[in-house]
Amino acid sequence: MGANSLQIAHQIAAGDGEDIPHGAVEWLRAGLRRYLAGQAPLEVALGLGGAARIAARNLALRDAARILDDGQNAPPWEIAGALAQAVVHFECGALKRCRAGETHDLSPLQAALWQSFQSGATPLRTRRSLYELLR
């Protein structure tokens, strides 16, 4: 399930139990069956392992890059530089608010960056690492 697994887990955790996303119960049951049968550690059985975290982070960062590019088709190196600056700016301000639960007034760029941090994967901050992702 990959990146979707993390999104579903976050939606379940944020909900009050009445707005569980369609398919979430089946996902949870299947993962718990694999775990209880001893087939995999819980994180892996639910599709929340390292590869899923990296996939979720990368998907969110690509979304952030598309938002920054705004259809201009700028070169990847240029977009990577703008994205690196946006990541630093986000970490210095909005990230603390997001971790405190204040996510209601995020811009689309901030929402994408918040998703990348929620993935649990090591954040990409440098222009070079972001360029490698975007090229």
C-alpha atoms as a PDB file:
ATOM      1  CA  MET A   1       0.000   0.000   0.000  1.00  0.00           C
ATOM      2  CA  GLY A   2       3.059   2.269   0.432  1.00  0.00           C
ATOM      3  CA  ALA A   3       2.537   6.004   0.773  1.00  0.00           C
ATOM      4  CA  ASN A   4      -1.221   5.446   1.044  1.00  0.00           C
ATOM      5  CA  SER A   5      -0.671   3.440   4.225  1.00  0.00           C
ATOM      6  CA  LEU A   6       0.781   6.449   5.991  1.00  0.00           C
ATOM      7  CA  GLN A   7      -2.038   8.695   4.824  1.00  0.00           C
ATOM      8  CA  ILE A   8      -4.661   6.232   6.030  1.00  0.00           C
ATOM      9  CA  ALA A   9      -2.897   5.823   9.385  1.00  0.00           C
ATOM     10  CA  HIS A  10      -2.804   9.603   9.865  1.00  0.00           C
ATOM     11  CA  GLN A  11      -6.476   9.923   8.916  1.00  0.00           C
ATOM     12  CA  ILE A  12      -7.481   7.207  11.365  1.00  0.00           C
ATOM     13  CA  ALA A  13      -5.384   8.765  14.138  1.00  0.00           C
ATOM     14  CA  ALA A  14      -6.810  12.240  13.509  1.00  0.00           C
ATOM     15  CA  GLY A  15     -10.436  11.103  13.281  1.00  0.00           C
ATOM     16  CA  ASP A  16     -12.984  10.713  16.023  1.00  0.00           C
ATOM     17  CA  GLY A  17     -13.905   7.226  14.896  1.00  0.00           C
ATOM     18  CA  GLU A  18     -16.855   8.261  12.766  1.00  0.00           C
ATOM     19  CA  ASP A  19     -15.025   9.427   9.653  1.00  0.00           C
ATOM     20  CA  ILE A  20     -12.685   6.494   9.041  1.00  0.00           C
ATOM     21  CA  PRO A  21     -11.677   6.499   5.360  1.00  0.00           C
ATOM     22  CA  HIS A  22     -13.218   3.898   3.063  1.00  0.00           C
ATOM     23  CA  GLY A  23     -11.029   0.815   2.966  1.00  0.00           C
ATOM     24  CA  ALA A  24      -9.179   1.659   6.182  1.00  0.00           C
ATOM     25  CA  VAL A  25     -10.758  -1.106   8.251  1.00  0.00           C
ATOM     26  CA  GLU A  26      -9.852  -3.713   5.625  1.00  0.00           C
ATOM     27  CA  TRP A  27      -6.284  -2.366   5.446  1.00  0.00           C
ATOM     28  CA  LEU A  28      -5.967  -2.513   9.224  1.00  0.00           C
ATOM     29  CA  ARG A  29      -7.425  -6.034   9.445  1.00  0.00           C
ATOM     30  CA  ALA A  30      -5.145  -7.381   6.713  1.00  0.00           C
ATOM     31  CA  GLY A  31      -2.083  -5.834   8.340  1.00  0.00           C
ATOM     32  CA  LEU A  32      -2.988  -7.131  11.782  1.00  0.00           C
ATOM     33  CA  ARG A  33      -3.554 -10.622  10.377  1.00  0.00           C
ATOM     34  CA  ARG A  34      -0.057 -10.597   8.833  1.00  0.00           C
ATOM     35  CA  TYR A  35       1.405  -9.339  12.112  1.00  0.00           C
ATOM     36  CA  LEU A  36      -0.450 -11.819  14.342  1.00  0.00           C
ATOM     37  CA  ALA A  37       0.501 -14.686  12.028  1.00  0.00           C
ATOM     38  CA  GLY A  38       4.133 -13.744  12.610  1.00  0.00           C
ATOM     39  CA  GLN A  39       4.706 -12.869   8.962  1.00  0.00           C
ATOM     40  CA  ALA A  40       6.183  -9.417   9.631  1.00  0.00           C
ATOM     41  CA  PRO A  41       6.756  -6.787  12.299  1.00  0.00           C
ATOM     42  CA  LEU A  42       3.693  -4.577  12.781  1.00  0.00           C
ATOM     43  CA  GLU A  43       5.160  -1.593  10.947  1.00  0.00           C
ATOM     44  CA  VAL A  44       5.956  -3.711   7.899  1.00  0.00           C
ATOM     45  CA  ALA A  45       2.670  -5.653   8.036  1.00  0.00           C
ATOM     46  CA  LEU A  46       0.764  -2.385   7.884  1.00  0.00           C
ATOM     47  CA  GLY A  47       2.924  -1.090   5.056  1.00  0.00           C
ATOM     48  CA  LEU A  48       4.486   1.573   7.231  1.00  0.00           C
ATOM     49  CA  GLY A  49       8.104   0.474   6.829  1.00  0.00           C
ATOM     50  CA  GLY A  50      11.027   2.539   5.663  1.00  0.00           C
ATOM     51  CA  ALA A  51      10.252   2.229   1.966  1.00  0.00           C
ATOM     52  CA  ALA A  52       6.686   3.461   2.532  1.00  0.00           C
ATOM     53  CA  ARG A  53       7.948   6.397   4.567  1.00  0.00           C
ATOM     54  CA  ILE A  54      10.426   7.384   1.875  1.00  0.00           C
ATOM     55  CA  ALA A  55       7.775   7.014  -0.831  1.00  0.00           C
ATOM     56  CA  ALA A  56       5.367   9.231   1.141  1.00  0.00           C
ATOM     57  CA  ARG A  57       8.066  11.857   1.733  1.00  0.00           C
ATOM     58  CA  ASN A  58       9.083  11.870  -1.918  1.00  0.00           C
ATOM     59  CA  LEU A  59       5.491  12.125  -3.128  1.00  0.00           C
ATOM     60  CA  ALA A  60       4.846  15.090  -0.828  1.00  0.00           C
ATOM     61  CA  LEU A  61       8.078  16.822  -1.887  1.00  0.00           C
ATOM     62  CA  ARG A  62       7.215  16.360  -5.575  1.00  0.00           C
ATOM     63  CA  ASP A  63       3.813  17.914  -4.849  1.00  0.00           C
ATOM     64  CA  ALA A  64       5.555  20.842  -3.153  1.00  0.00           C
ATOM     65  CA  ALA A  65       7.847  21.229  -6.170  1.00  0.00           C
ATOM     66  CA  ARG A  66       4.836  21.316  -8.532  1.00  0.00           C
ATOM     67  CA  ILE A  67       3.245  23.999  -6.382  1.00  0.00           C
ATOM     68  CA  LEU A  68       6.423  26.071  -6.440  1.00  0.00           C
ATOM     69  CA  ASP A  69       6.876  25.636 -10.204  1.00  0.00           C
ATOM     70  CA  ASP A  70       3.256  26.663 -10.855  1.00  0.00           C
ATOM     71  CA  GLY A  71       3.323  25.381 -14.441  1.00  0.00           C
ATOM     72  CA  GLN A  72       6.402  27.383 -15.436  1.00  0.00           C
ATOM     73  CA  ASN A  73       8.465  24.282 -16.304  1.00  0.00           C
ATOM     74  CA  ALA A  74      11.539  25.690 -14.579  1.00  0.00           C
ATOM     75  CA  PRO A  75      14.706  23.575 -14.628  1.00  0.00           C
ATOM     76  CA  PRO A  76      14.893  20.980 -11.819  1.00  0.00           C
ATOM     77  CA  TRP A  77      17.975  22.655 -10.320  1.00  0.00           C
ATOM     78  CA  GLU A  78      16.068  25.934  -9.985  1.00  0.00           C
ATOM     79  CA  ILE A  79      13.036  24.246  -8.451  1.00  0.00           C
ATOM     80  CA  ALA A  80      15.288  22.305  -6.066  1.00  0.00           C
ATOM     81  CA  GLY A  81      16.811  25.572  -4.837  1.00  0.00           C
ATOM     82  CA  ALA A  82      13.394  27.114  -4.234  1.00  0.00           C
ATOM     83  CA  LEU A  83      12.216  23.930  -2.522  1.00  0.00           C
ATOM     84  CA  ALA A  84      15.284  23.830  -0.263  1.00  0.00           C
ATOM     85  CA  GLN A  85      14.530  27.398   0.827  1.00  0.00           C
ATOM     86  CA  ALA A  86      10.872  26.525   1.387  1.00  0.00           C
ATOM     87  CA  VAL A  87      11.829  23.530   3.551  1.00  0.00           C
ATOM     88  CA  VAL A  88      14.099  25.679   5.741  1.00  0.00           C
ATOM     89  CA  HIS A  89      11.438  28.377   6.011  1.00  0.00           C
ATOM     90  CA  PHE A  90       8.812  25.769   6.925  1.00  0.00           C
ATOM     91  CA  GLU A  91      11.049  24.196   9.586  1.00  0.00           C
ATOM     92  CA  CYS A  92      11.704  27.574  11.179  1.00  0.00           C
ATOM     93  CA  GLY A  93       8.048  28.477  11.554  1.00  0.00           C
ATOM     94  CA  ALA A  94       5.094  26.392  10.486  1.00  0.00           C
ATOM     95  CA  LEU A  95       6.540  23.006  11.507  1.00  0.00           C
ATOM     96  CA  LYS A  96       6.271  23.827  15.214  1.00  0.00           C
ATOM     97  CA  ARG A  97       2.658  24.923  14.772  1.00  0.00           C
ATOM     98  CA  CYS A  98       1.846  21.774  12.807  1.00  0.00           C
ATOM     99  CA  ARG A  99       3.338  19.544  15.491  1.00  0.00           C
ATOM    100  CA  ALA A 100       1.115  21.358  17.989  1.00  0.00           C
ATOM    101  CA  GLY A 101      -1.934  20.464  15.891  1.00  0.00           C
ATOM    102  CA  GLU A 102      -2.429  23.852  14.223  1.00  0.00           C
ATOM    103  CA  THR A 103      -2.835  22.740  10.617  1.00  0.00           C
ATOM    104  CA  HIS A 104      -6.087  24.450   9.675  1.00  0.00           C
ATOM    105  CA  ASP A 105      -4.582  27.479   7.901  1.00  0.00           C
ATOM    106  CA  LEU A 106      -1.731  25.913   5.925  1.00  0.00           C
ATOM    107  CA  SER A 107      -1.084  27.026   2.378  1.00  0.00           C
ATOM    108  CA  PRO A 108      -0.967  24.248  -0.246  1.00  0.00           C
ATOM    109  CA  LEU A 109       2.853  24.432  -0.152  1.00  0.00           C
ATOM    110  CA  GLN A 110       2.952  24.207   3.632  1.00  0.00           C
ATOM    111  CA  ALA A 111       0.477  21.302   3.573  1.00  0.00           C
ATOM    112  CA  ALA A 112       2.709  19.392   1.151  1.00  0.00           C
ATOM    113  CA  LEU A 113       5.779  20.084   3.286  1.00  0.00           C
ATOM    114  CA  TRP A 114       3.889  19.020   6.427  1.00  0.00           C
ATOM    115  CA  GLN A 115       3.015  15.730   4.702  1.00  0.00           C
ATOM    116  CA  SER A 116       6.685  15.202   3.905  1.00  0.00           C
ATOM    117  CA  PHE A 117       7.608  15.650   7.574  1.00  0.00           C
ATOM    118  CA  GLN A 118       4.721  13.453   8.734  1.00  0.00           C
ATOM    119  CA  SER A 119       6.127  10.594   6.672  1.00  0.00           C
ATOM    120  CA  GLY A 120       8.756   9.959   9.323  1.00  0.00           C
ATOM    121  CA  ALA A 121      11.467   9.607   6.684  1.00  0.00           C
ATOM    122  CA  THR A 122      14.640  11.657   7.006  1.00  0.00           C
ATOM    123  CA  PRO A 123      13.844  15.121   5.640  1.00  0.00           C
ATOM    124  CA  LEU A 124      15.561  16.238   2.451  1.00  0.00           C
ATOM    125  CA  ARG A 125      16.880  19.756   2.978  1.00  0.00           C
ATOM    126  CA  THR A 126      19.710  20.400   0.564  1.00  0.00           C
ATOM    127  CA  ARG A 127      19.367  21.613  -2.978  1.00  0.00           C
ATOM    128  CA  ARG A 128      21.464  18.664  -4.183  1.00  0.00           C
ATOM    129  CA  SER A 129      19.311  15.992  -2.506  1.00  0.00           C
ATOM    130  CA  LEU A 130      16.116  17.651  -3.706  1.00  0.00           C
ATOM    131  CA  TYR A 131      17.531  17.931  -7.217  1.00  0.00           C
ATOM    132  CA  GLU A 132      18.310  14.198  -7.188  1.00  0.00           C
ATOM    133  CA  LEU A 133      14.671  13.575  -6.296  1.00  0.00           C
ATOM    134  CA  LEU A 134      13.239  15.908  -8.939  1.00  0.00           C
ATOM    135  CA  ARG A 135      15.408  15.198 -11.959  1.00  0.00           C
END
